[in-house]
Protein backbone atom coordinates (compact mmCIF):
# COMPACT_ATOMS: atom_id res chain seq x y z
CA UNK A 1 -4.06 -11.77 5.79
CA UNK A 2 -1.81 -9.98 3.90
CA UNK A 3 1.46 -8.22 4.88
CA UNK A 4 1.68 -4.66 4.80
CA UNK A 5 5.22 -3.39 4.99
CA UNK A 6 4.52 0.71 6.37
CA UNK A 7 6.70 3.02 5.02
CA UNK A 8 8.56 5.25 7.50
CA UNK A 9 6.55 8.35 6.81
CA UNK A 10 3.40 6.66 7.61
CA UNK A 11 4.26 4.65 10.57
CA UNK A 12 2.99 7.57 12.80
CA UNK A 13 -0.72 5.87 11.70
CA UNK A 14 0.51 2.18 12.92
CA UNK A 15 1.98 3.45 16.61
CA UNK A 16 5.25 2.94 14.66
CA UNK A 17 4.55 -0.66 13.55
CA UNK A 18 6.76 -1.49 10.56
CA UNK A 19 4.47 -4.32 9.34
CA UNK A 20 0.65 -4.71 9.56
CA UNK A 21 -1.40 -7.66 8.77
CA UNK A 22 -4.52 -7.02 6.83
CA UNK A 23 -7.06 -8.46 5.52
CA UNK A 24 -8.15 -7.90 1.97
CA UNK A 25 -9.03 -9.95 -1.17
CA UNK A 26 -7.89 -6.99 -3.42
CA UNK A 27 -5.51 -3.97 -3.08
CA UNK A 28 -8.49 -1.73 -2.86
CA UNK A 29 -10.05 -3.80 -0.04
CA UNK A 30 -6.76 -3.93 1.63
CA UNK A 31 -6.19 -0.20 1.54
CA UNK A 32 -10.01 0.33 3.00
CA UNK A 33 -9.17 -1.94 6.08
CA UNK A 34 -5.91 0.06 6.38
CA UNK A 35 -8.36 3.42 6.85
CA UNK A 36 -10.68 1.75 8.89
CA UNK A 37 -7.74 0.08 11.43
CA UNK A 38 -5.72 3.45 10.92
CA UNK A 39 -7.41 6.35 10.18
CA UNK A 40 -5.41 8.81 7.84
CA UNK A 41 -3.66 6.23 5.96
CA UNK A 42 -5.30 5.96 3.06
CA UNK A 43 -4.81 9.58 2.34
CA UNK A 44 -1.44 9.18 1.61
CA UNK A 45 -1.86 6.22 -0.69
CA UNK A 46 -5.25 7.52 -2.88
CA UNK A 47 -5.84 10.42 -5.01
CA UNK A 48 -9.74 10.36 -6.85
CA UNK A 49 -10.15 6.65 -5.91
CA UNK A 50 -7.06 5.29 -7.75
CA UNK A 51 -3.12 5.22 -6.32
CA UNK A 52 -1.13 8.64 -6.33
CA UNK A 53 0.59 9.53 -9.15
CA UNK A 54 4.17 8.55 -8.15
CA UNK A 55 3.27 5.52 -6.00
CA UNK A 56 3.66 2.08 -6.72
CA UNK A 57 2.24 -0.93 -4.76
CA UNK A 58 4.53 -3.95 -4.94
CA UNK A 59 2.38 -7.07 -4.30
CA UNK A 60 4.19 -10.28 -3.91
CA UNK A 61 7.15 -9.69 -6.25
CA UNK A 62 6.03 -7.63 -8.69
CA UNK A 63 4.40 -4.00 -9.45
CA UNK A 64 0.65 -4.08 -9.79
CA UNK A 65 -0.61 -2.80 -13.24
CA UNK A 66 -4.40 -3.74 -12.05
CA UNK A 67 -4.28 -1.20 -9.41
CA UNK A 68 -6.82 -1.43 -7.00
CA UNK A 69 -8.24 -4.40 -8.58
CA UNK A 70 -5.25 -6.29 -7.69
CA UNK A 71 -6.07 -9.64 -6.36
CA UNK A 72 -4.10 -10.49 -3.17
CA UNK A 73 -3.37 -14.20 -2.23
CA UNK A 74 -3.77 -15.08 1.68
CA UNK A 75 -0.20 -14.41 2.38
CA UNK A 76 0.69 -11.57 0.03
CA UNK A 77 4.08 -9.25 1.04
CA UNK A 78 2.49 -5.69 0.01
CA UNK A 79 5.06 -2.81 -0.32
CA UNK A 80 3.92 0.68 -1.07
CA UNK A 81 6.97 2.16 -3.18
CA UNK A 82 7.43 6.09 -4.09
CA UNK A 83 8.79 6.82 -7.43
CA UNK A 84 12.60 7.41 -7.38
CA UNK A 85 13.84 9.80 -10.31
CA UNK A 86 16.77 11.64 -11.40
CA UNK A 87 20.15 10.93 -12.77
CA UNK A 88 22.26 12.48 -15.41
CA UNK A 89 20.70 13.48 -18.40
């Protein structure tokens, strides 16, 4: 199972757990299973069947460019990271 690191604002769905193990051969399957186990979770990740704008999924050591089709290994670590912007222009 993939290890999902739960962002602070979504821990209310996981009873405070900071990480959960979830099965899924792809990122899309993993998010489907997250929603089955933790109803309401995917509303914060998806919009119109895709990752929300401004949200990156880091699978292993790199942000996915394949979106929900990203294949996952059995022991992949998954992080959902909001975009960070700003600075001096």
